[in-house]
């Protein structure tokens, strides 16, 4: 499960860079007054994903789960971040259509 550790560290680092405004976003979201808020919300979603996967990496290392159960836990633990990202995209797509 070393790959999960590396991926979780990557997402946490991407989230931290995003909190400082150093995230690459789609061109359609650039140049608005709410762009910085959008970047920070996406960064928080990345940090949530990385933190949850980092905790899961520790749990998978401590307990012997089969590969199927480990994959299921990885997918289920990604749901909070996925839902956060989906709601953020919906919110800012509405703002984009409004402007």
Protein backbone atom coordinates (compact mmCIF):
# COMPACT_ATOMS: atom_id res chain seq x y z
CA UNK A 1 0.00 0.00 0.00
CA UNK A 2 2.97 2.30 -0.47
CA UNK A 3 1.34 3.75 -3.58
CA UNK A 4 -1.59 4.91 -1.46
CA UNK A 5 0.81 6.71 0.87
CA UNK A 6 2.51 8.47 -2.07
CA UNK A 7 -0.81 9.45 -3.65
CA UNK A 8 -2.14 10.79 -0.35
CA UNK A 9 0.98 12.91 0.19
CA UNK A 10 0.63 14.18 -3.40
CA UNK A 11 -2.99 15.26 -2.82
CA UNK A 12 -2.13 16.93 0.47
CA UNK A 13 0.71 18.86 -1.22
CA UNK A 14 -1.57 19.86 -4.10
CA UNK A 15 -4.14 21.07 -1.58
CA UNK A 16 -1.56 23.10 0.32
CA UNK A 17 -0.34 24.71 -2.91
CA UNK A 18 -3.98 25.42 -3.77
CA UNK A 19 -4.52 27.17 -0.46
CA UNK A 20 -1.69 29.50 -1.44
CA UNK A 21 -3.33 30.07 -4.85
CA UNK A 22 -0.85 28.02 -6.87
CA UNK A 23 -3.34 25.62 -8.43
CA UNK A 24 -3.86 25.11 -12.14
CA UNK A 25 -7.57 25.45 -12.91
CA UNK A 26 -9.67 25.32 -16.05
CA UNK A 27 -9.60 28.44 -18.21
CA UNK A 28 -13.35 28.95 -17.89
CA UNK A 29 -12.96 29.67 -14.13
CA UNK A 30 -10.11 32.18 -14.45
CA UNK A 31 -10.49 35.93 -14.14
CA UNK A 32 -13.59 36.20 -11.97
CA UNK A 33 -13.84 37.78 -8.54
CA UNK A 34 -14.72 34.37 -7.03
CA UNK A 35 -11.80 32.49 -8.63
CA UNK A 36 -9.65 32.55 -5.47
CA UNK A 37 -12.51 31.16 -3.41
CA UNK A 38 -13.03 28.41 -5.98
CA UNK A 39 -9.34 27.48 -5.85
CA UNK A 40 -9.42 27.32 -2.05
CA UNK A 41 -12.53 25.12 -2.01
CA UNK A 42 -10.98 22.69 -4.49
CA UNK A 43 -7.79 22.73 -2.40
CA UNK A 44 -9.78 21.78 0.69
CA UNK A 45 -11.29 18.86 -1.23
CA UNK A 46 -7.77 17.70 -2.16
CA UNK A 47 -6.60 17.95 1.45
CA UNK A 48 -9.63 15.98 2.64
CA UNK A 49 -8.88 13.23 0.12
CA UNK A 50 -5.19 13.12 1.02
CA UNK A 51 -5.82 13.10 4.77
CA UNK A 52 -8.45 10.36 4.60
CA UNK A 53 -6.23 8.22 2.38
CA UNK A 54 -3.27 8.80 4.71
CA UNK A 55 -5.35 7.53 7.64
CA UNK A 56 -6.57 4.63 5.52
CA UNK A 57 -2.98 3.80 4.60
CA UNK A 58 -2.16 3.48 8.29
CA UNK A 59 -5.24 1.30 8.93
CA UNK A 60 -4.46 -0.97 5.99
CA UNK A 61 -0.92 -1.36 7.26
CA UNK A 62 -2.09 -2.30 10.78
CA UNK A 63 -4.80 -4.76 9.79
CA UNK A 64 -4.70 -7.48 7.18
CA UNK A 65 -7.51 -6.83 4.72
CA UNK A 66 -7.78 -8.64 1.45
CA UNK A 67 -7.16 -6.82 -1.81
CA UNK A 68 -10.87 -6.60 -2.61
CA UNK A 69 -11.74 -5.11 0.77
CA UNK A 70 -8.80 -2.69 0.55
CA UNK A 71 -9.99 -1.47 -2.87
CA UNK A 72 -13.52 -1.05 -1.55
CA UNK A 73 -12.25 0.95 1.43
CA UNK A 74 -10.17 3.17 -0.87
CA UNK A 75 -13.21 3.92 -3.02
CA UNK A 76 -15.52 4.51 -0.05
CA UNK A 77 -13.01 6.77 1.67
CA UNK A 78 -12.78 8.93 -1.47
CA UNK A 79 -16.53 9.66 -1.43
CA UNK A 80 -16.43 12.69 0.94
CA UNK A 81 -13.88 14.45 -1.23
CA UNK A 82 -15.70 13.45 -4.40
CA UNK A 83 -18.99 14.84 -3.10
CA UNK A 84 -17.24 18.02 -1.96
CA UNK A 85 -15.77 18.45 -5.45
CA UNK A 86 -19.08 17.76 -7.17
CA UNK A 87 -20.96 20.30 -5.03
CA UNK A 88 -18.19 22.87 -5.57
CA UNK A 89 -18.34 22.37 -9.34
CA UNK A 90 -22.13 22.69 -9.36
CA UNK A 91 -21.96 25.87 -7.26
CA UNK A 92 -19.36 27.55 -9.46
CA UNK A 93 -20.92 26.40 -12.74
CA UNK A 94 -24.07 28.23 -11.62
CA UNK A 95 -21.98 31.34 -10.90
CA UNK A 96 -20.27 30.98 -14.26
CA UNK A 97 -23.61 30.83 -16.09
CA UNK A 98 -24.86 33.80 -14.08
CA UNK A 99 -21.86 35.98 -15.11
